[in-house]
PDB file of N, CA and C in Angstrom:
ATOM      1  N   MET A   1      25.351  57.016  40.278  1.00  0.00           N
ATOM      2  CA  MET A   1      25.846  57.060  38.914  1.00  0.00           C
ATOM      3  C   MET A   1      25.420  55.776  38.189  1.00  0.00           C
ATOM      4  N   GLN A   2      24.860  55.928  36.991  1.00  0.00           N
ATOM      5  CA  GLN A   2      24.384  54.795  36.204  1.00  0.00           C
ATOM      6  C   GLN A   2      25.578  54.024  35.622  1.00  0.00           C
ATOM      7  N   PRO A   3      25.604  52.687  35.782  1.00  0.00           N
ATOM      8  CA  PRO A   3      26.699  51.918  35.195  1.00  0.00           C
ATOM      9  C   PRO A   3      26.626  51.964  33.669  1.00  0.00           C
ATOM     10  N   LYS A   4      27.786  51.842  33.034  1.00  0.00           N
ATOM     11  CA  LYS A   4      27.858  51.905  31.571  1.00  0.00           C
ATOM     12  C   LYS A   4      28.407  50.597  31.039  1.00  0.00           C
ATOM     13  N   ALA A   5      27.976  50.247  29.827  1.00  0.00           N
ATOM     14  CA  ALA A   5      28.464  49.042  29.167  1.00  0.00           C
ATOM     15  C   ALA A   5      28.617  49.315  27.683  1.00  0.00           C
ATOM     16  N   ILE A   6      29.595  48.671  27.096  1.00  0.00           N
ATOM     17  CA  ILE A   6      29.811  48.725  25.652  1.00  0.00           C
ATOM     18  C   ILE A   6      29.634  47.309  25.125  1.00  0.00           C
ATOM     19  N   VAL A   7      28.868  47.174  24.059  1.00  0.00           N
ATOM     20  CA  VAL A   7      28.682  45.890  23.397  1.00  0.00           C
ATOM     21  C   VAL A   7      29.263  46.017  22.000  1.00  0.00           C
ATOM     22  N   VAL A   8      30.173  45.119  21.657  1.00  0.00           N
ATOM     23  CA  VAL A   8      30.787  45.122  20.331  1.00  0.00           C
ATOM     24  C   VAL A   8      30.078  44.070  19.483  1.00  0.00           C
ATOM     25  N   GLY A   9      29.408  44.532  18.459  1.00  0.00           N
ATOM     26  CA  GLY A   9      28.678  43.650  17.560  1.00  0.00           C
ATOM     27  C   GLY A   9      27.190  43.688  17.825  1.00  0.00           C
ATOM     28  N   SER A  10      26.412  43.841  16.754  1.00  0.00           N
ATOM     29  CA  SER A  10      24.959  43.906  16.907  1.00  0.00           C
ATOM     30  C   SER A  10      24.275  42.713  16.256  1.00  0.00           C
ATOM     31  N   GLY A  11      24.951  41.556  16.315  1.00  0.00           N
ATOM     32  CA  GLY A  11      24.285  40.311  15.940  1.00  0.00           C
ATOM     33  C   GLY A  11      23.290  39.973  17.036  1.00  0.00           C
ATOM     34  N   ILE A  12      22.664  38.816  16.926  1.00  0.00           N
ATOM     35  CA  ILE A  12      21.634  38.460  17.894  1.00  0.00           C
ATOM     36  C   ILE A  12      22.196  38.404  19.313  1.00  0.00           C
ATOM     37  N   ALA A  13      23.415  37.911  19.481  1.00  0.00           N
ATOM     38  CA  ALA A  13      24.002  37.840  20.826  1.00  0.00           C
ATOM     39  C   ALA A  13      24.284  39.239  21.373  1.00  0.00           C
ATOM     40  N   GLY A  14      24.809  40.128  20.529  1.00  0.00           N
ATOM     41  CA  GLY A  14      25.078  41.490  20.970  1.00  0.00           C
ATOM     42  C   GLY A  14      23.811  42.240  21.320  1.00  0.00           C
ATOM     43  N   LEU A  15      22.779  42.095  20.492  1.00  0.00           N
ATOM     44  CA  LEU A  15      21.506  42.766  20.770  1.00  0.00           C
ATOM     45  C   LEU A  15      20.859  42.214  22.037  1.00  0.00           C
ATOM     46  N   ALA A  16      20.914  40.890  22.204  1.00  0.00           N
ATOM     47  CA  ALA A  16      20.343  40.280  23.414  1.00  0.00           C
ATOM     48  C   ALA A  16      21.092  40.764  24.653  1.00  0.00           C
ATOM     49  N   SER A  17      22.416  40.854  24.558  1.00  0.00           N
ATOM     50  CA  SER A  17      23.214  41.344  25.693  1.00  0.00           C
ATOM     51  C   SER A  17      22.869  42.791  26.014  1.00  0.00           C
ATOM     52  N   ALA A  18      22.764  43.609  24.978  1.00  0.00           N
ATOM     53  CA  ALA A  18      22.442  45.023  25.176  1.00  0.00           C
ATOM     54  C   ALA A  18      21.066  45.181  25.828  1.00  0.00           C
ATOM     55  N   LEU A  19      20.095  44.406  25.394  1.00  0.00           N
ATOM     56  CA  LEU A  19      18.753  44.481  25.982  1.00  0.00           C
ATOM     57  C   LEU A  19      18.766  44.059  27.452  1.00  0.00           C
ATOM     58  N   ARG A  20      19.469  42.986  27.738  1.00  0.00           N
ATOM     59  CA  ARG A  20      19.525  42.519  29.132  1.00  0.00           C
ATOM     60  C   ARG A  20      20.236  43.534  30.031  1.00  0.00           C
ATOM     61  N   LEU A  21      21.310  44.125  29.522  1.00  0.00           N
ATOM     62  CA  LEU A  21      22.027  45.151  30.297  1.00  0.00           C
ATOM     63  C   LEU A  21      21.145  46.389  30.508  1.00  0.00           C
ATOM     64  N   ALA A  22      20.453  46.802  29.459  1.00  0.00           N
ATOM     65  CA  ALA A  22      19.570  47.964  29.571  1.00  0.00           C
ATOM     66  C   ALA A  22      18.472  47.708  30.609  1.00  0.00           C
ATOM     67  N   LYS A  23      17.959  46.484  30.640  1.00  0.00           N
ATOM     68  CA  LYS A  23      16.929  46.142  31.621  1.00  0.00           C
ATOM     69  C   LYS A  23      17.475  46.226  33.044  1.00  0.00           C
ATOM     70  N   LYS A  24      18.774  46.004  33.199  1.00  0.00           N
ATOM     71  CA  LYS A  24      19.417  46.116  34.520  1.00  0.00           C
ATOM     72  C   LYS A  24      19.901  47.547  34.787  1.00  0.00           C
ATOM     73  N   ASN A  25      19.389  48.478  33.970  1.00  0.00           N
ATOM     74  CA  ASN A  25      19.636  49.914  34.145  1.00  0.00           C
ATOM     75  C   ASN A  25      21.053  50.367  33.777  1.00  0.00           C
ATOM     76  N   PHE A  26      21.702  49.639  32.874  1.00  0.00           N
ATOM     77  CA  PHE A  26      22.978  50.096  32.341  1.00  0.00           C
ATOM     78  C   PHE A  26      22.729  51.076  31.204  1.00  0.00           C
ATOM     79  N   GLU A  27      23.606  52.040  31.062  1.00  0.00           N
ATOM     80  CA  GLU A  27      23.635  52.866  29.863  1.00  0.00           C
ATOM     81  C   GLU A  27      24.470  52.092  28.860  1.00  0.00           C
ATOM     82  N   VAL A  28      23.850  51.663  27.765  1.00  0.00           N
ATOM     83  CA  VAL A  28      24.497  50.745  26.830  1.00  0.00           C
ATOM     84  C   VAL A  28      24.775  51.435  25.501  1.00  0.00           C
ATOM     85  N   GLN A  29      25.988  51.223  24.987  1.00  0.00           N
ATOM     86  CA  GLN A  29      26.340  51.635  23.634  1.00  0.00           C
ATOM     87  C   GLN A  29      26.701  50.388  22.854  1.00  0.00           C
ATOM     88  N   VAL A  30      26.141  50.249  21.647  1.00  0.00           N
ATOM     89  CA  VAL A  30      26.417  49.101  20.785  1.00  0.00           C
ATOM     90  C   VAL A  30      27.197  49.602  19.576  1.00  0.00           C
ATOM     91  N   PHE A  31      28.305  48.922  19.281  1.00  0.00           N
ATOM     92  CA  PHE A  31      29.140  49.279  18.135  1.00  0.00           C
ATOM     93  C   PHE A  31      29.103  48.140  17.123  1.00  0.00           C
ATOM     94  N   GLU A  32      28.906  48.498  15.863  1.00  0.00           N
ATOM     95  CA  GLU A  32      28.793  47.513  14.793  1.00  0.00           C
ATOM     96  C   GLU A  32      29.556  48.000  13.570  1.00  0.00           C
ATOM     97  N   SER A  33      30.366  47.136  12.978  1.00  0.00           N
ATOM     98  CA  SER A  33      31.138  47.531  11.794  1.00  0.00           C
ATOM     99  C   SER A  33      30.341  47.376  10.502  1.00  0.00           C
ATOM    100  N   SER A  34      29.304  46.548  10.531  1.00  0.00           N
ATOM    101  CA  SER A  34      28.473  46.340   9.347  1.00  0.00           C
ATOM    102  C   SER A  34      27.494  47.504   9.194  1.00  0.00           C
ATOM    103  N   PRO A  35      27.005  47.739   7.984  1.00  0.00           N
ATOM    104  CA  PRO A  35      26.029  48.823   7.807  1.00  0.00           C
ATOM    105  C   PRO A  35      24.638  48.503   8.358  1.00  0.00           C
ATOM    106  N   HIS A  36      24.430  47.264   8.834  1.00  0.00           N
ATOM    107  CA  HIS A  36      23.123  46.899   9.384  1.00  0.00           C
ATOM    108  C   HIS A  36      23.294  46.107  10.674  1.00  0.00           C
ATOM    109  N   ALA A  37      22.290  46.206  11.514  1.00  0.00           N
ATOM    110  CA  ALA A  37      22.266  45.421  12.753  1.00  0.00           C
ATOM    111  C   ALA A  37      21.653  44.059  12.475  1.00  0.00           C
ATOM    112  N   GLY A  38      21.923  43.106  13.351  1.00  0.00           N
ATOM    113  CA  GLY A  38      21.263  41.812  13.261  1.00  0.00           C
ATOM    114  C   GLY A  38      22.152  40.652  12.872  1.00  0.00           C
ATOM    115  N   GLY A  39      23.367  40.918  12.427  1.00  0.00           N
ATOM    116  CA  GLY A  39      24.246  39.814  12.030  1.00  0.00           C
ATOM    117  C   GLY A  39      23.617  38.987  10.938  1.00  0.00           C
ATOM    118  N   LYS A  40      23.489  37.685  11.194  1.00  0.00           N
ATOM    119  CA  LYS A  40      22.892  36.779  10.209  1.00  0.00           C
ATOM    120  C   LYS A  40      21.409  37.041   9.986  1.00  0.00           C
ATOM    121  N   ILE A  41      20.775  37.693  10.938  1.00  0.00           N
ATOM    122  CA  ILE A  41      19.344  37.967  10.798  1.00  0.00           C
ATOM    123  C   ILE A  41      19.200  39.210   9.932  1.00  0.00           C
ATOM    124  N   HIS A  42      19.273  38.977   8.638  1.00  0.00           N
ATOM    125  CA  HIS A  42      19.245  40.073   7.676  1.00  0.00           C
ATOM    126  C   HIS A  42      18.663  39.545   6.369  1.00  0.00           C
ATOM    127  N   SER A  43      18.150  40.426   5.577  1.00  0.00           N
ATOM    128  CA  SER A  43      17.605  40.034   4.277  1.00  0.00           C
ATOM    129  C   SER A  43      17.858  41.145   3.265  1.00  0.00           C
ATOM    130  N   PHE A  44      17.634  40.808   2.005  1.00  0.00           N
ATOM    131  CA  PHE A  44      17.696  41.830   0.968  1.00  0.00           C
ATOM    132  C   PHE A  44      16.565  41.560  -0.021  1.00  0.00           C
ATOM    133  N   SER A  45      16.189  42.585  -0.754  1.00  0.00           N
ATOM    134  CA  SER A  45      15.130  42.451  -1.751  1.00  0.00           C
ATOM    135  C   SER A  45      15.694  42.733  -3.131  1.00  0.00           C
ATOM    136  N   ASN A  46      15.165  41.997  -4.112  1.00  0.00           N
ATOM    137  CA  ASN A  46      15.579  42.194  -5.492  1.00  0.00           C
ATOM    138  C   ASN A  46      14.411  41.810  -6.386  1.00  0.00           C
ATOM    139  N   THR A  47      14.068  42.673  -7.280  1.00  0.00           N
ATOM    140  CA  THR A  47      12.971  42.492  -8.238  1.00  0.00           C
ATOM    141  C   THR A  47      11.692  41.978  -7.584  1.00  0.00           C
ATOM    142  N   GLY A  48      11.378  42.544  -6.431  1.00  0.00           N
ATOM    143  CA  GLY A  48      10.134  42.213  -5.753  1.00  0.00           C
ATOM    144  C   GLY A  48      10.174  40.982  -4.867  1.00  0.00           C
ATOM    145  N   PHE A  49      11.332  40.333  -4.766  1.00  0.00           N
ATOM    146  CA  PHE A  49      11.464  39.146  -3.923  1.00  0.00           C
ATOM    147  C   PHE A  49      12.368  39.441  -2.741  1.00  0.00           C
ATOM    148  N   ARG A  50      12.070  38.815  -1.598  1.00  0.00           N
ATOM    149  CA  ARG A  50      12.865  38.986  -0.384  1.00  0.00           C
ATOM    150  C   ARG A  50      13.681  37.725  -0.149  1.00  0.00           C
ATOM    151  N   PHE A  51      14.978  37.900   0.148  1.00  0.00           N
ATOM    152  CA  PHE A  51      15.883  36.783   0.392  1.00  0.00           C
ATOM    153  C   PHE A  51      16.494  36.919   1.778  1.00  0.00           C
ATOM    154  N   ASP A  52      16.460  35.839   2.560  1.00  0.00           N
ATOM    155  CA  ASP A  52      17.070  35.824   3.885  1.00  0.00           C
ATOM    156  C   ASP A  52      18.527  35.403   3.779  1.00  0.00           C
ATOM    157  N   PHE A  53      19.395  36.050   4.556  1.00  0.00           N
ATOM    158  CA  PHE A  53      20.785  35.632   4.661  1.00  0.00           C
ATOM    159  C   PHE A  53      20.928  34.480   5.663  1.00  0.00           C
ATOM    160  N   GLY A  54      20.027  34.355   6.574  1.00  0.00           N
ATOM    161  CA  GLY A  54      20.110  33.300   7.588  1.00  0.00           C
ATOM    162  C   GLY A  54      19.421  33.765   8.837  1.00  0.00           C
ATOM    163  N   PRO A  55      19.502  33.064   9.907  1.00  0.00           N
ATOM    164  CA  PRO A  55      20.119  31.749  10.034  1.00  0.00           C
ATOM    165  C   PRO A  55      19.254  30.676   9.389  1.00  0.00           C
ATOM    166  N   SER A  56      19.888  29.567   9.002  1.00  0.00           N
ATOM    167  CA  SER A  56      19.137  28.496   8.354  1.00  0.00           C
ATOM    168  C   SER A  56      18.439  27.614   9.375  1.00  0.00           C
ATOM    169  N   LEU A  57      18.861  27.687  10.626  1.00  0.00           N
ATOM    170  CA  LEU A  57      18.269  26.889  11.688  1.00  0.00           C
ATOM    171  C   LEU A  57      18.078  27.787  12.902  1.00  0.00           C
ATOM    172  N   PHE A  58      16.866  27.851  13.403  1.00  0.00           N
ATOM    173  CA  PHE A  58      16.541  28.703  14.539  1.00  0.00           C
ATOM    174  C   PHE A  58      16.324  27.833  15.755  1.00  0.00           C
ATOM    175  N   THR A  59      17.256  27.890  16.685  1.00  0.00           N
ATOM    176  CA  THR A  59      17.160  27.060  17.885  1.00  0.00           C
ATOM    177  C   THR A  59      16.859  27.938  19.097  1.00  0.00           C
ATOM    178  N   MET A  60      16.345  27.329  20.122  1.00  0.00           N
ATOM    179  CA  MET A  60      16.070  27.954  21.418  1.00  0.00           C
ATOM    180  C   MET A  60      15.207  29.206  21.337  1.00  0.00           C
ATOM    181  N   PRO A  61      14.032  29.109  20.710  1.00  0.00           N
ATOM    182  CA  PRO A  61      13.148  30.281  20.637  1.00  0.00           C
ATOM    183  C   PRO A  61      12.720  30.790  22.009  1.00  0.00           C
ATOM    184  N   HIS A  62      12.803  29.930  23.020  1.00  0.00           N
ATOM    185  CA  HIS A  62      12.426  30.370  24.372  1.00  0.00           C
ATOM    186  C   HIS A  62      13.317  31.519  24.855  1.00  0.00           C
ATOM    187  N   LEU A  63      14.555  31.586  24.366  1.00  0.00           N
ATOM    188  CA  LEU A  63      15.427  32.699  24.757  1.00  0.00           C
ATOM    189  C   LEU A  63      15.002  34.005  24.097  1.00  0.00           C
ATOM    190  N   VAL A  64      14.489  33.920  22.882  1.00  0.00           N
ATOM    191  CA  VAL A  64      13.950  35.113  22.213  1.00  0.00           C
ATOM    192  C   VAL A  64      12.675  35.555  22.930  1.00  0.00           C
ATOM    193  N   ASP A  65      11.830  34.586  23.269  1.00  0.00           N
ATOM    194  CA  ASP A  65      10.613  34.899  24.033  1.00  0.00           C
ATOM    195  C   ASP A  65      10.973  35.628  25.329  1.00  0.00           C
ATOM    196  N   GLU A  66      12.003  35.138  26.001  1.00  0.00           N
ATOM    197  CA  GLU A  66      12.427  35.732  27.276  1.00  0.00           C
ATOM    198  C   GLU A  66      12.794  37.212  27.120  1.00  0.00           C
ATOM    199  N   LEU A  67      13.435  37.566  26.011  1.00  0.00           N
ATOM    200  CA  LEU A  67      13.797  38.978  25.793  1.00  0.00           C
ATOM    201  C   LEU A  67      12.553  39.862  25.712  1.00  0.00           C
ATOM    202  N   PHE A  68      11.544  39.410  24.989  1.00  0.00           N
ATOM    203  CA  PHE A  68      10.305  40.179  24.902  1.00  0.00           C
ATOM    204  C   PHE A  68       9.634  40.276  26.263  1.00  0.00           C
ATOM    205  N   GLU A  69       9.611  39.159  26.977  1.00  0.00           N
ATOM    206  CA  GLU A  69       8.951  39.134  28.282  1.00  0.00           C
ATOM    207  C   GLU A  69       9.648  40.043  29.289  1.00  0.00           C
ATOM    208  N   LEU A  70      10.966  40.238  29.153  1.00  0.00           N
ATOM    209  CA  LEU A  70      11.686  41.175  30.029  1.00  0.00           C
ATOM    210  C   LEU A  70      11.096  42.579  29.957  1.00  0.00           C
ATOM    211  N   PHE A  71      10.544  42.908  28.785  1.00  0.00           N
ATOM    212  CA  PHE A  71       9.987  44.245  28.568  1.00  0.00           C
ATOM    213  C   PHE A  71       8.462  44.214  28.495  1.00  0.00           C
ATOM    214  N   ASP A  72       7.880  43.174  29.096  1.00  0.00           N
ATOM    215  CA  ASP A  72       6.428  43.021  29.184  1.00  0.00           C
ATOM    216  C   ASP A  72       5.739  43.048  27.820  1.00  0.00           C
ATOM    217  N   ILE A  73       6.373  42.416  26.842  1.00  0.00           N
ATOM    218  CA  ILE A  73       5.783  42.287  25.508  1.00  0.00           C
ATOM    219  C   ILE A  73       5.494  40.808  25.274  1.00  0.00           C
ATOM    220  N   ASP A  74       4.290  40.519  24.826  1.00  0.00           N
ATOM    221  CA  ASP A  74       3.932  39.137  24.525  1.00  0.00           C
ATOM    222  C   ASP A  74       4.655  38.721  23.243  1.00  0.00           C
ATOM    223  N   PRO A  75       5.567  37.746  23.321  1.00  0.00           N
ATOM    224  CA  PRO A  75       6.314  37.348  22.121  1.00  0.00           C
ATOM    225  C   PRO A  75       5.410  36.825  21.005  1.00  0.00           C
ATOM    226  N   LYS A  76       4.272  36.253  21.366  1.00  0.00           N
ATOM    227  CA  LYS A  76       3.359  35.728  20.357  1.00  0.00           C
ATOM    228  C   LYS A  76       2.743  36.844  19.511  1.00  0.00           C
ATOM    229  N   SER A  77       2.801  38.084  20.011  1.00  0.00           N
ATOM    230  CA  SER A  77       2.299  39.207  19.218  1.00  0.00           C
ATOM    231  C   SER A  77       3.305  39.615  18.136  1.00  0.00           C
ATOM    232  N   LYS A  78       4.536  39.085  18.214  1.00  0.00           N
ATOM    233  CA  LYS A  78       5.592  39.440  17.259  1.00  0.00           C
ATOM    234  C   LYS A  78       6.055  38.262  16.406  1.00  0.00           C
ATOM    235  N   PHE A  79       6.004  37.042  16.981  1.00  0.00           N
ATOM    236  CA  PHE A  79       6.517  35.858  16.297  1.00  0.00           C
ATOM    237  C   PHE A  79       5.543  34.704  16.435  1.00  0.00           C
ATOM    238  N   GLU A  80       5.521  33.868  15.422  1.00  0.00           N
ATOM    239  CA  GLU A  80       4.792  32.611  15.504  1.00  0.00           C
ATOM    240  C   GLU A  80       5.782  31.501  15.175  1.00  0.00           C
ATOM    241  N   TYR A  81       6.092  30.679  16.159  1.00  0.00           N
ATOM    242  CA  TYR A  81       7.008  29.571  15.968  1.00  0.00           C
ATOM    243  C   TYR A  81       6.221  28.303  15.677  1.00  0.00           C
ATOM    244  N   VAL A  82       6.721  27.530  14.760  1.00  0.00           N
ATOM    245  CA  VAL A  82       6.143  26.228  14.469  1.00  0.00           C
ATOM    246  C   VAL A  82       7.284  25.225  14.516  1.00  0.00           C
ATOM    247  N   LYS A  83       7.194  24.282  15.449  1.00  0.00           N
ATOM    248  CA  LYS A  83       8.240  23.273  15.571  1.00  0.00           C
ATOM    249  C   LYS A  83       8.067  22.252  14.458  1.00  0.00           C
ATOM    250  N   LYS A  84       9.114  22.065  13.703  1.00  0.00           N
ATOM    251  CA  LYS A  84       9.104  21.108  12.599  1.00  0.00           C
ATOM    252  C   LYS A  84       9.503  19.728  13.099  1.00  0.00           C
ATOM    253  N   ASP A  85       9.005  18.688  12.440  1.00  0.00           N
ATOM    254  CA  ASP A  85       9.424  17.331  12.785  1.00  0.00           C
ATOM    255  C   ASP A  85      10.887  17.111  12.413  1.00  0.00           C
ATOM    256  N   VAL A  86      11.290  17.654  11.272  1.00  0.00           N
ATOM    257  CA  VAL A  86      12.683  17.585  10.820  1.00  0.00           C
ATOM    258  C   VAL A  86      13.224  19.010  10.821  1.00  0.00           C
ATOM    259  N   ILE A  87      14.319  19.232  11.554  1.00  0.00           N
ATOM    260  CA  ILE A  87      14.824  20.595  11.688  1.00  0.00           C
ATOM    261  C   ILE A  87      15.835  20.975  10.618  1.00  0.00           C
ATOM    262  N   CYS A  88      16.478  19.974  10.015  1.00  0.00           N
ATOM    263  CA  CYS A  88      17.481  20.289   9.008  1.00  0.00           C
ATOM    264  C   CYS A  88      17.818  19.025   8.221  1.00  0.00           C
ATOM    265  N   ASN A  89      18.199  19.207   6.968  1.00  0.00           N
ATOM    266  CA  ASN A  89      18.639  18.095   6.131  1.00  0.00           C
ATOM    267  C   ASN A  89      20.087  18.330   5.728  1.00  0.00           C
ATOM    268  N   TYR A  90      20.882  17.283   5.824  1.00  0.00           N
ATOM    269  CA  TYR A  90      22.308  17.361   5.500  1.00  0.00           C
ATOM    270  C   TYR A  90      22.610  16.408   4.348  1.00  0.00           C
ATOM    271  N   PHE A  91      23.490  16.837   3.451  1.00  0.00           N
ATOM    272  CA  PHE A  91      23.870  16.054   2.286  1.00  0.00           C
ATOM    273  C   PHE A  91      25.392  16.104   2.140  1.00  0.00           C
ATOM    274  N   TRP A  92      26.017  14.947   1.940  1.00  0.00           N
ATOM    275  CA  TRP A  92      27.467  14.891   1.762  1.00  0.00           C
ATOM    276  C   TRP A  92      27.802  14.410   0.356  1.00  0.00           C
ATOM    277  N   ASP A  93      29.021  14.731  -0.080  1.00  0.00           N
ATOM    278  CA  ASP A  93      29.495  14.367  -1.420  1.00  0.00           C
ATOM    279  C   ASP A  93      29.468  12.863  -1.673  1.00  0.00           C
ATOM    280  N   ASP A  94      29.657  12.067  -0.618  1.00  0.00           N
ATOM    281  CA  ASP A  94      29.672  10.603  -0.787  1.00  0.00           C
ATOM    282  C   ASP A  94      28.271  10.002  -0.882  1.00  0.00           C
ATOM    283  N   GLY A  95      27.244  10.843  -0.897  1.00  0.00           N
ATOM    284  CA  GLY A  95      25.868  10.366  -1.018  1.00  0.00           C
ATOM    285  C   GLY A  95      25.159  10.192   0.309  1.00  0.00           C
ATOM    286  N   THR A  96      25.870  10.355   1.418  1.00  0.00           N
ATOM    287  CA  THR A  96      25.243  10.252   2.729  1.00  0.00           C
ATOM    288  C   THR A  96      24.250  11.392   2.906  1.00  0.00           C
ATOM    289  N   ARG A  97      23.106  11.041   3.445  1.00  0.00           N
ATOM    290  CA  ARG A  97      22.066  12.035   3.744  1.00  0.00           C
ATOM    291  C   ARG A  97      21.598  11.813   5.173  1.00  0.00           C
ATOM    292  N   PHE A  98      21.286  12.911   5.832  1.00  0.00           N
ATOM    293  CA  PHE A  98      20.768  12.814   7.196  1.00  0.00           C
ATOM    294  C   PHE A  98      19.717  13.878   7.403  1.00  0.00           C
ATOM    295  N   SER A  99      18.522  13.445   7.781  1.00  0.00           N
ATOM    296  CA  SER A  99      17.450  14.367   8.147  1.00  0.00           C
ATOM    297  C   SER A  99      17.404  14.390   9.667  1.00  0.00           C
ATOM    298  N   ALA A 100      17.690  15.537  10.258  1.00  0.00           N
ATOM    299  CA  ALA A 100      17.791  15.674  11.711  1.00  0.00           C
ATOM    300  C   ALA A 100      16.410  15.884  12.320  1.00  0.00           C
ATOM    301  N   PRO A 101      15.906  14.877  13.050  1.00  0.00           N
ATOM    302  CA  PRO A 101      14.608  15.040  13.701  1.00  0.00           C
ATOM    303  C   PRO A 101      14.688  16.025  14.866  1.00  0.00           C
ATOM    304  N   ALA A 102      13.621  16.732  15.116  1.00  0.00           N
ATOM    305  CA  ALA A 102      13.565  17.661  16.247  1.00  0.00           C
ATOM    306  C   ALA A 102      13.518  16.907  17.567  1.00  0.00           C
ATOM    307  N   ASP A 103      12.899  15.745  17.567  1.00  0.00           N
ATOM    308  CA  ASP A 103      12.798  14.931  18.775  1.00  0.00           C
ATOM    309  C   ASP A 103      14.183  14.372  19.127  1.00  0.00           C
ATOM    310  N   GLU A 104      14.642  14.646  20.343  1.00  0.00           N
ATOM    311  CA  GLU A 104      16.009  14.281  20.758  1.00  0.00           C
ATOM    312  C   GLU A 104      16.249  12.776  20.695  1.00  0.00           C
ATOM    313  N   GLU A 105      15.306  11.984  21.159  1.00  0.00           N
ATOM    314  CA  GLU A 105      15.465  10.517  21.135  1.00  0.00           C
ATOM    315  C   GLU A 105      15.608  10.015  19.705  1.00  0.00           C
ATOM    316  N   LYS A 106      14.724  10.497  18.819  1.00  0.00           N
ATOM    317  CA  LYS A 106      14.790  10.097  17.415  1.00  0.00           C
ATOM    318  C   LYS A 106      16.099  10.556  16.776  1.00  0.00           C
ATOM    319  N   PHE A 107      16.559  11.766  17.134  1.00  0.00           N
ATOM    320  CA  PHE A 107      17.816  12.274  16.599  1.00  0.00           C
ATOM    321  C   PHE A 107      18.961  11.328  16.959  1.00  0.00           C
ATOM    322  N   ILE A 108      19.036  10.942  18.225  1.00  0.00           N
ATOM    323  CA  ILE A 108      20.112  10.056  18.688  1.00  0.00           C
ATOM    324  C   ILE A 108      20.051   8.720  17.958  1.00  0.00           C
ATOM    325  N   GLU A 109      18.864   8.145  17.873  1.00  0.00           N
ATOM    326  CA  GLU A 109      18.694   6.855  17.204  1.00  0.00           C
ATOM    327  C   GLU A 109      19.099   6.934  15.734  1.00  0.00           C
ATOM    328  N   GLN A 110      18.607   7.950  15.036  1.00  0.00           N
ATOM    329  CA  GLN A 110      18.875   8.044  13.600  1.00  0.00           C
ATOM    330  C   GLN A 110      20.323   8.448  13.321  1.00  0.00           C
ATOM    331  N   ALA A 111      20.905   9.296  14.170  1.00  0.00           N
ATOM    332  CA  ALA A 111      22.317   9.662  13.990  1.00  0.00           C
ATOM    333  C   ALA A 111      23.206   8.444  14.209  1.00  0.00           C
ATOM    334  N   ALA A 112      22.899   7.660  15.239  1.00  0.00           N
ATOM    335  CA  ALA A 112      23.687   6.447  15.513  1.00  0.00           C
ATOM    336  C   ALA A 112      23.575   5.481  14.329  1.00  0.00           C
ATOM    337  N   ALA A 113      22.363   5.303  13.811  1.00  0.00           N
ATOM    338  CA  ALA A 113      22.163   4.388  12.698  1.00  0.00           C
ATOM    339  C   ALA A 113      22.854   4.877  11.420  1.00  0.00           C
ATOM    340  N   THR A 114      22.881   6.184  11.228  1.00  0.00           N
ATOM    341  CA  THR A 114      23.477   6.745  10.011  1.00  0.00           C
ATOM    342  C   THR A 114      24.995   6.794  10.076  1.00  0.00           C
ATOM    343  N   PHE A 115      25.542   7.183  11.220  1.00  0.00           N
ATOM    344  CA  PHE A 115      26.977   7.473  11.294  1.00  0.00           C
ATOM    345  C   PHE A 115      27.812   6.414  12.004  1.00  0.00           C
ATOM    346  N   PHE A 116      27.185   5.472  12.701  1.00  0.00           N
ATOM    347  CA  PHE A 116      27.964   4.499  13.463  1.00  0.00           C
ATOM    348  C   PHE A 116      27.683   3.071  13.045  1.00  0.00           C
ATOM    349  N   ASN A 117      27.109   2.858  11.886  1.00  0.00           N
ATOM    350  CA  ASN A 117      26.876   1.500  11.378  1.00  0.00           C
ATOM    351  C   ASN A 117      27.683   1.245  10.149  1.00  0.00           C
TER     352      ASN A 117
END
């Protein structure tokens, strides 16, 4: 008898869970209350322009690659990742600004200099 699984939510975590379970030969049902799958990974179009809802920061692309590789699909045939030097910029009401470097050492140094001095 094939094992069964229910996944509640079709955001990226729910979809990733459903794919991994399906690969392990589970019969998977995904339930979603929203009219679309993908959670934050969604967009809309208006007057010929496309707008993304998010996410604003994409971390750990290797986990997305792993999902494609589970099904023998080359992730590079679907996505092209480009690592940015600065992954995000933050602005506070008091005028504080922080540009978060992708490099972990630089991030630690600049965060310490910005927030602990």
